[in-house]
């Protein structure tokens, strides 16, 4: 079966470079990527693991550094 997928030109270029470096065709790389994706997400274990991680870290503060509350910080 053939499946058409639209990708950005840069992603297409990266895929072509990867395929070339691996000695595979573009189609072979895409088939392999889809197979890995389906295998990873075909059962709910991965989704449940990620949901648990999100829930575990949802109460933690944002990782970014807080800016000081200086009235003239733009000067």
PDB file of N, CA and C in Angstrom:
ATOM      1  N   UNK A   1       0.842  -1.169   0.000  1.00  0.00           N
ATOM      2  CA  UNK A   1       0.000   0.000   0.000  1.00  0.00           C
ATOM      3  C   UNK A   1       0.889   1.234   0.000  1.00  0.00           C
ATOM      4  N   UNK A   2       0.475   2.244  -0.713  1.00  0.00           N
ATOM      5  CA  UNK A   2       1.212   3.502  -0.763  1.00  0.00           C
ATOM      6  C   UNK A   2       0.488   4.536   0.089  1.00  0.00           C
ATOM      7  N   UNK A   3       1.273   5.315   0.834  1.00  0.00           N
ATOM      8  CA  UNK A   3       0.739   6.389   1.673  1.00  0.00           C
ATOM      9  C   UNK A   3       1.492   7.667   1.309  1.00  0.00           C
ATOM     10  N   UNK A   4       0.760   8.741   1.079  1.00  0.00           N
ATOM     11  CA  UNK A   4       1.397  10.023   0.790  1.00  0.00           C
ATOM     12  C   UNK A   4       1.459  10.867   2.050  1.00  0.00           C
ATOM     13  N   UNK A   5       2.600  11.479   2.283  1.00  0.00           N
ATOM     14  CA  UNK A   5       2.784  12.324   3.463  1.00  0.00           C
ATOM     15  C   UNK A   5       3.448  13.617   3.025  1.00  0.00           C
ATOM     16  N   UNK A   6       2.911  14.737   3.481  1.00  0.00           N
ATOM     17  CA  UNK A   6       3.519  16.037   3.167  1.00  0.00           C
ATOM     18  C   UNK A   6       4.440  16.433   4.312  1.00  0.00           C
ATOM     19  N   UNK A   7       5.644  16.835   3.970  1.00  0.00           N
ATOM     20  CA  UNK A   7       6.602  17.313   4.968  1.00  0.00           C
ATOM     21  C   UNK A   7       7.230  18.609   4.476  1.00  0.00           C
ATOM     22  N   UNK A   8       7.776  19.353   5.404  1.00  0.00           N
ATOM     23  CA  UNK A   8       8.462  20.585   5.061  1.00  0.00           C
ATOM     24  C   UNK A   8       9.713  20.245   4.258  1.00  0.00           C
ATOM     25  N   UNK A   9      10.130  21.147   3.379  1.00  0.00           N
ATOM     26  CA  UNK A   9      11.319  20.888   2.561  1.00  0.00           C
ATOM     27  C   UNK A   9      12.567  20.563   3.397  1.00  0.00           C
ATOM     28  N   UNK A  10      12.739  21.241   4.518  1.00  0.00           N
ATOM     29  CA  UNK A  10      13.919  20.987   5.356  1.00  0.00           C
ATOM     30  C   UNK A  10      13.886  19.574   5.926  1.00  0.00           C
ATOM     31  N   UNK A  11      12.717  19.115   6.352  1.00  0.00           N
ATOM     32  CA  UNK A  11      12.601  17.753   6.873  1.00  0.00           C
ATOM     33  C   UNK A  11      12.865  16.738   5.764  1.00  0.00           C
ATOM     34  N   UNK A  12      12.380  17.015   4.583  1.00  0.00           N
ATOM     35  CA  UNK A  12      12.643  16.132   3.444  1.00  0.00           C
ATOM     36  C   UNK A  12      14.143  16.047   3.164  1.00  0.00           C
ATOM     37  N   UNK A  13      14.804  17.194   3.222  1.00  0.00           N
ATOM     38  CA  UNK A  13      16.256  17.224   3.001  1.00  0.00           C
ATOM     39  C   UNK A  13      16.984  16.421   4.079  1.00  0.00           C
ATOM     40  N   UNK A  14      16.573  16.595   5.339  1.00  0.00           N
ATOM     41  CA  UNK A  14      17.198  15.846   6.430  1.00  0.00           C
ATOM     42  C   UNK A  14      16.975  14.345   6.270  1.00  0.00           C
ATOM     43  N   UNK A  15      15.772  13.965   5.849  1.00  0.00           N
ATOM     44  CA  UNK A  15      15.467  12.554   5.615  1.00  0.00           C
ATOM     45  C   UNK A  15      16.340  11.992   4.505  1.00  0.00           C
ATOM     46  N   UNK A  16      16.491  12.758   3.429  1.00  0.00           N
ATOM     47  CA  UNK A  16      17.324  12.304   2.314  1.00  0.00           C
ATOM     48  C   UNK A  16      18.779  12.132   2.757  1.00  0.00           C
ATOM     49  N   UNK A  17      19.277  13.065   3.564  1.00  0.00           N
ATOM     50  CA  UNK A  17      20.656  12.970   4.053  1.00  0.00           C
ATOM     51  C   UNK A  17      20.830  11.763   4.970  1.00  0.00           C
ATOM     52  N   UNK A  18      19.845  11.541   5.834  1.00  0.00           N
ATOM     53  CA  UNK A  18      19.904  10.389   6.730  1.00  0.00           C
ATOM     54  C   UNK A  18      19.869   9.084   5.941  1.00  0.00           C
ATOM     55  N   UNK A  19      18.964   9.004   4.990  1.00  0.00           N
ATOM     56  CA  UNK A  19      18.853   7.795   4.170  1.00  0.00           C
ATOM     57  C   UNK A  19      20.160   7.524   3.438  1.00  0.00           C
ATOM     58  N   UNK A  20      20.745   8.574   2.886  1.00  0.00           N
ATOM     59  CA  UNK A  20      22.009   8.431   2.171  1.00  0.00           C
ATOM     60  C   UNK A  20      23.110   7.930   3.105  1.00  0.00           C
ATOM     61  N   UNK A  21      23.186   8.519   4.299  1.00  0.00           N
ATOM     62  CA  UNK A  21      24.236   8.115   5.241  1.00  0.00           C
ATOM     63  C   UNK A  21      24.048   6.689   5.746  1.00  0.00           C
ATOM     64  N   UNK A  22      22.801   6.212   5.749  1.00  0.00           N
ATOM     65  CA  UNK A  22      22.518   4.855   6.218  1.00  0.00           C
ATOM     66  C   UNK A  22      22.520   3.841   5.078  1.00  0.00           C
ATOM     67  N   UNK A  23      22.636   4.327   3.850  1.00  0.00           N
ATOM     68  CA  UNK A  23      22.618   3.423   2.708  1.00  0.00           C
ATOM     69  C   UNK A  23      21.249   2.829   2.456  1.00  0.00           C
ATOM     70  N   UNK A  24      20.209   3.578   2.804  1.00  0.00           N
ATOM     71  CA  UNK A  24      18.831   3.114   2.621  1.00  0.00           C
ATOM     72  C   UNK A  24      18.089   4.097   1.723  1.00  0.00           C
ATOM     73  N   UNK A  25      16.944   3.661   1.264  1.00  0.00           N
ATOM     74  CA  UNK A  25      16.090   4.567   0.503  1.00  0.00           C
ATOM     75  C   UNK A  25      15.267   5.416   1.474  1.00  0.00           C
ATOM     76  N   UNK A  26      14.743   6.500   0.955  1.00  0.00           N
ATOM     77  CA  UNK A  26      13.856   7.338   1.751  1.00  0.00           C
ATOM     78  C   UNK A  26      12.665   6.518   2.240  1.00  0.00           C
ATOM     79  N   UNK A  27      12.094   5.722   1.366  1.00  0.00           N
ATOM     80  CA  UNK A  27      10.937   4.898   1.730  1.00  0.00           C
ATOM     81  C   UNK A  27      11.268   3.905   2.838  1.00  0.00           C
ATOM     82  N   UNK A  28      12.462   3.309   2.761  1.00  0.00           N
ATOM     83  CA  UNK A  28      12.856   2.349   3.799  1.00  0.00           C
ATOM     84  C   UNK A  28      12.945   3.033   5.155  1.00  0.00           C
ATOM     85  N   UNK A  29      13.497   4.243   5.185  1.00  0.00           N
ATOM     86  CA  UNK A  29      13.597   4.993   6.444  1.00  0.00           C
ATOM     87  C   UNK A  29      12.219   5.334   6.994  1.00  0.00           C
ATOM     88  N   UNK A  30      11.312   5.757   6.116  1.00  0.00           N
ATOM     89  CA  UNK A  30       9.961   6.103   6.554  1.00  0.00           C
ATOM     90  C   UNK A  30       9.228   4.869   7.059  1.00  0.00           C
ATOM     91  N   UNK A  31       9.356   3.743   6.344  1.00  0.00           N
ATOM     92  CA  UNK A  31       8.714   2.500   6.803  1.00  0.00           C
ATOM     93  C   UNK A  31       9.218   2.104   8.188  1.00  0.00           C
ATOM     94  N   UNK A  32      10.527   2.197   8.387  1.00  0.00           N
ATOM     95  CA  UNK A  32      11.120   1.841   9.670  1.00  0.00           C
ATOM     96  C   UNK A  32      10.633   2.788  10.777  1.00  0.00           C
ATOM     97  N   UNK A  33      10.559   4.072  10.475  1.00  0.00           N
ATOM     98  CA  UNK A  33      10.095   5.044  11.465  1.00  0.00           C
ATOM     99  C   UNK A  33       8.639   4.785  11.848  1.00  0.00           C
ATOM    100  N   UNK A  34       7.800   4.494  10.863  1.00  0.00           N
ATOM    101  CA  UNK A  34       6.392   4.201  11.144  1.00  0.00           C
ATOM    102  C   UNK A  34       6.277   2.929  11.979  1.00  0.00           C
ATOM    103  N   UNK A  35       7.052   1.919  11.643  1.00  0.00           N
ATOM    104  CA  UNK A  35       7.009   0.664  12.407  1.00  0.00           C
ATOM    105  C   UNK A  35       7.391   0.908  13.861  1.00  0.00           C
ATOM    106  N   UNK A  36       8.440   1.714  14.097  1.00  0.00           N
ATOM    107  CA  UNK A  36       8.846   2.027  15.473  1.00  0.00           C
ATOM    108  C   UNK A  36       7.758   2.808  16.202  1.00  0.00           C
ATOM    109  N   UNK A  37       7.152   3.753  15.517  1.00  0.00           N
ATOM    110  CA  UNK A  37       6.098   4.569  16.110  1.00  0.00           C
ATOM    111  C   UNK A  37       4.906   3.703  16.511  1.00  0.00           C
ATOM    112  N   UNK A  38       4.486   2.853  15.592  1.00  0.00           N
ATOM    113  CA  UNK A  38       3.340   1.975  15.868  1.00  0.00           C
ATOM    114  C   UNK A  38       3.664   1.035  17.020  1.00  0.00           C
ATOM    115  N   UNK A  39       4.862   0.473  17.024  1.00  0.00           N
ATOM    116  CA  UNK A  39       5.250  -0.430  18.102  1.00  0.00           C
ATOM    117  C   UNK A  39       5.264   0.308  19.446  1.00  0.00           C
ATOM    118  N   UNK A  40       5.779   1.512  19.454  1.00  0.00           N
ATOM    119  CA  UNK A  40       5.895   2.268  20.704  1.00  0.00           C
ATOM    120  C   UNK A  40       4.541   2.670  21.256  1.00  0.00           C
ATOM    121  N   UNK A  41       3.616   3.058  20.392  1.00  0.00           N
ATOM    122  CA  UNK A  41       2.339   3.580  20.856  1.00  0.00           C
ATOM    123  C   UNK A  41       1.164   2.630  20.656  1.00  0.00           C
ATOM    124  N   UNK A  42       1.405   1.396  20.248  1.00  0.00           N
ATOM    125  CA  UNK A  42       0.302   0.477  19.994  1.00  0.00           C
ATOM    126  C   UNK A  42      -0.351  -0.016  21.275  1.00  0.00           C
ATOM    127  N   UNK A  43       0.393  -0.026  22.364  1.00  0.00           N
ATOM    128  CA  UNK A  43      -0.246  -0.357  23.636  1.00  0.00           C
ATOM    129  C   UNK A  43      -0.284   0.907  24.479  1.00  0.00           C
ATOM    130  N   UNK A  44      -1.082   0.895  25.484  1.00  0.00           N
ATOM    131  CA  UNK A  44      -1.253   2.099  26.295  1.00  0.00           C
ATOM    132  C   UNK A  44      -0.147   2.294  27.320  1.00  0.00           C
ATOM    133  N   UNK A  45       0.787   1.367  27.410  1.00  0.00           N
ATOM    134  CA  UNK A  45       1.849   1.481  28.408  1.00  0.00           C
ATOM    135  C   UNK A  45       2.631   2.782  28.255  1.00  0.00           C
ATOM    136  N   UNK A  46       3.011   3.114  27.030  1.00  0.00           N
ATOM    137  CA  UNK A  46       3.798   4.325  26.810  1.00  0.00           C
ATOM    138  C   UNK A  46       2.974   5.565  27.131  1.00  0.00           C
ATOM    139  N   UNK A  47       1.730   5.595  26.702  1.00  0.00           N
ATOM    140  CA  UNK A  47       0.870   6.745  26.983  1.00  0.00           C
ATOM    141  C   UNK A  47       0.658   6.900  28.488  1.00  0.00           C
ATOM    142  N   UNK A  48       0.468   5.794  29.177  1.00  0.00           N
ATOM    143  CA  UNK A  48       0.283   5.855  30.624  1.00  0.00           C
ATOM    144  C   UNK A  48       1.562   6.296  31.325  1.00  0.00           C
ATOM    145  N   UNK A  49       2.711   5.859  30.831  1.00  0.00           N
ATOM    146  CA  UNK A  49       3.984   6.256  31.418  1.00  0.00           C
ATOM    147  C   UNK A  49       4.185   7.756  31.260  1.00  0.00           C
ATOM    148  N   UNK A  50       3.913   8.274  30.068  1.00  0.00           N
ATOM    149  CA  UNK A  50       4.074   9.701  29.836  1.00  0.00           C
ATOM    150  C   UNK A  50       3.068  10.515  30.643  1.00  0.00           C
ATOM    151  N   UNK A  51       1.849  10.030  30.759  1.00  0.00           N
ATOM    152  CA  UNK A  51       0.844  10.726  31.555  1.00  0.00           C
ATOM    153  C   UNK A  51       1.258  10.779  33.017  1.00  0.00           C
ATOM    154  N   UNK A  52       1.829   9.688  33.512  1.00  0.00           N
ATOM    155  CA  UNK A  52       2.296   9.655  34.901  1.00  0.00           C
ATOM    156  C   UNK A  52       3.434  10.644  35.109  1.00  0.00           C
ATOM    157  N   UNK A  53       4.344  10.732  34.147  1.00  0.00           N
ATOM    158  CA  UNK A  53       5.437  11.693  34.262  1.00  0.00           C
ATOM    159  C   UNK A  53       4.924  13.123  34.265  1.00  0.00           C
ATOM    160  N   UNK A  54       3.966  13.410  33.407  1.00  0.00           N
ATOM    161  CA  UNK A  54       3.389  14.757  33.359  1.00  0.00           C
ATOM    162  C   UNK A  54       2.707  15.078  34.679  1.00  0.00           C
ATOM    163  N   UNK A  55       1.929  14.135  35.191  1.00  0.00           N
ATOM    164  CA  UNK A  55       1.238  14.358  36.461  1.00  0.00           C
ATOM    165  C   UNK A  55       2.228  14.539  37.603  1.00  0.00           C
ATOM    166  N   UNK A  56       3.301  13.773  37.574  1.00  0.00           N
ATOM    167  CA  UNK A  56       4.318  13.851  38.625  1.00  0.00           C
ATOM    168  C   UNK A  56       4.992  15.219  38.658  1.00  0.00           C
ATOM    169  N   UNK A  57       5.203  15.804  37.478  1.00  0.00           N
ATOM    170  CA  UNK A  57       5.932  17.068  37.393  1.00  0.00           C
ATOM    171  C   UNK A  57       5.027  18.289  37.226  1.00  0.00           C
ATOM    172  N   UNK A  58       3.728  18.095  37.244  1.00  0.00           N
ATOM    173  CA  UNK A  58       2.829  19.217  37.008  1.00  0.00           C
ATOM    174  C   UNK A  58       2.845  20.230  38.145  1.00  0.00           C
ATOM    175  N   UNK A  59       3.212  19.807  39.333  1.00  0.00           N
ATOM    176  CA  UNK A  59       3.248  20.722  40.466  1.00  0.00           C
ATOM    177  C   UNK A  59       4.571  21.425  40.635  1.00  0.00           C
ATOM    178  N   UNK A  60       5.563  21.071  39.847  1.00  0.00           N
ATOM    179  CA  UNK A  60       6.881  21.689  39.994  1.00  0.00           C
ATOM    180  C   UNK A  60       6.907  23.032  39.287  1.00  0.00           C
ATOM    181  N   UNK A  61       7.684  23.969  39.813  1.00  0.00           N
ATOM    182  CA  UNK A  61       7.758  25.280  39.158  1.00  0.00           C
ATOM    183  C   UNK A  61       8.375  25.175  37.770  1.00  0.00           C
ATOM    184  N   UNK A  62       8.135  26.194  37.002  1.00  0.00           N
ATOM    185  CA  UNK A  62       8.689  26.249  35.657  1.00  0.00           C
ATOM    186  C   UNK A  62      10.209  26.182  35.741  1.00  0.00           C
ATOM    187  N   UNK A  63      10.829  25.491  34.813  1.00  0.00           N
ATOM    188  CA  UNK A  63      12.283  25.315  34.841  1.00  0.00           C
ATOM    189  C   UNK A  63      13.025  26.604  34.543  1.00  0.00           C
ATOM    190  N   UNK A  64      12.354  27.566  33.897  1.00  0.00           N
ATOM    191  CA  UNK A  64      13.052  28.785  33.506  1.00  0.00           C
ATOM    192  C   UNK A  64      13.354  29.646  34.728  1.00  0.00           C
ATOM    193  N   UNK A  65      14.418  30.379  34.644  1.00  0.00           N
ATOM    194  CA  UNK A  65      14.836  31.243  35.745  1.00  0.00           C
ATOM    195  C   UNK A  65      13.864  32.407  35.887  1.00  0.00           C
ATOM    196  N   UNK A  66      13.466  32.687  37.105  1.00  0.00           N
ATOM    197  CA  UNK A  66      12.575  33.804  37.361  1.00  0.00           C
ATOM    198  C   UNK A  66      13.349  35.114  37.274  1.00  0.00           C
ATOM    199  N   UNK A  67      12.753  36.125  36.644  1.00  0.00           N
ATOM    200  CA  UNK A  67      13.394  37.427  36.535  1.00  0.00           C
ATOM    201  C   UNK A  67      13.168  38.219  37.813  1.00  0.00           C
ATOM    202  N   UNK A  68      14.158  39.001  38.217  1.00  0.00           N
ATOM    203  CA  UNK A  68      13.969  39.840  39.403  1.00  0.00           C
ATOM    204  C   UNK A  68      12.854  40.848  39.169  1.00  0.00           C
ATOM    205  N   UNK A  69      12.209  41.257  40.234  1.00  0.00           N
ATOM    206  CA  UNK A  69      11.121  42.222  40.139  1.00  0.00           C
ATOM    207  C   UNK A  69      11.671  43.624  40.375  1.00  0.00           C
ATOM    208  N   UNK A  70      12.531  44.084  39.483  1.00  0.00           N
ATOM    209  CA  UNK A  70      13.128  45.406  39.590  1.00  0.00           C
ATOM    210  C   UNK A  70      12.258  46.389  38.836  1.00  0.00           C
ATOM    211  N   UNK A  71      11.942  47.531  39.423  1.00  0.00           N
ATOM    212  CA  UNK A  71      11.106  48.492  38.720  1.00  0.00           C
ATOM    213  C   UNK A  71      11.790  49.096  37.497  1.00  0.00           C
ATOM    214  N   UNK A  72      13.129  49.120  37.487  1.00  0.00           N
ATOM    215  CA  UNK A  72      13.851  49.736  36.372  1.00  0.00           C
ATOM    216  C   UNK A  72      14.682  48.712  35.593  1.00  0.00           C
ATOM    217  N   UNK A  73      14.209  47.486  35.503  1.00  0.00           N
ATOM    218  CA  UNK A  73      15.018  46.427  34.879  1.00  0.00           C
ATOM    219  C   UNK A  73      15.235  46.632  33.393  1.00  0.00           C
ATOM    220  N   UNK A  74      14.437  47.492  32.744  1.00  0.00           N
ATOM    221  CA  UNK A  74      14.614  47.729  31.304  1.00  0.00           C
ATOM    222  C   UNK A  74      15.606  48.843  31.013  1.00  0.00           C
ATOM    223  N   UNK A  75      16.083  49.522  32.037  1.00  0.00           N
ATOM    224  CA  UNK A  75      16.998  50.649  31.849  1.00  0.00           C
ATOM    225  C   UNK A  75      18.360  50.161  31.451  1.00  0.00           C
TER     226      UNK A  75
END
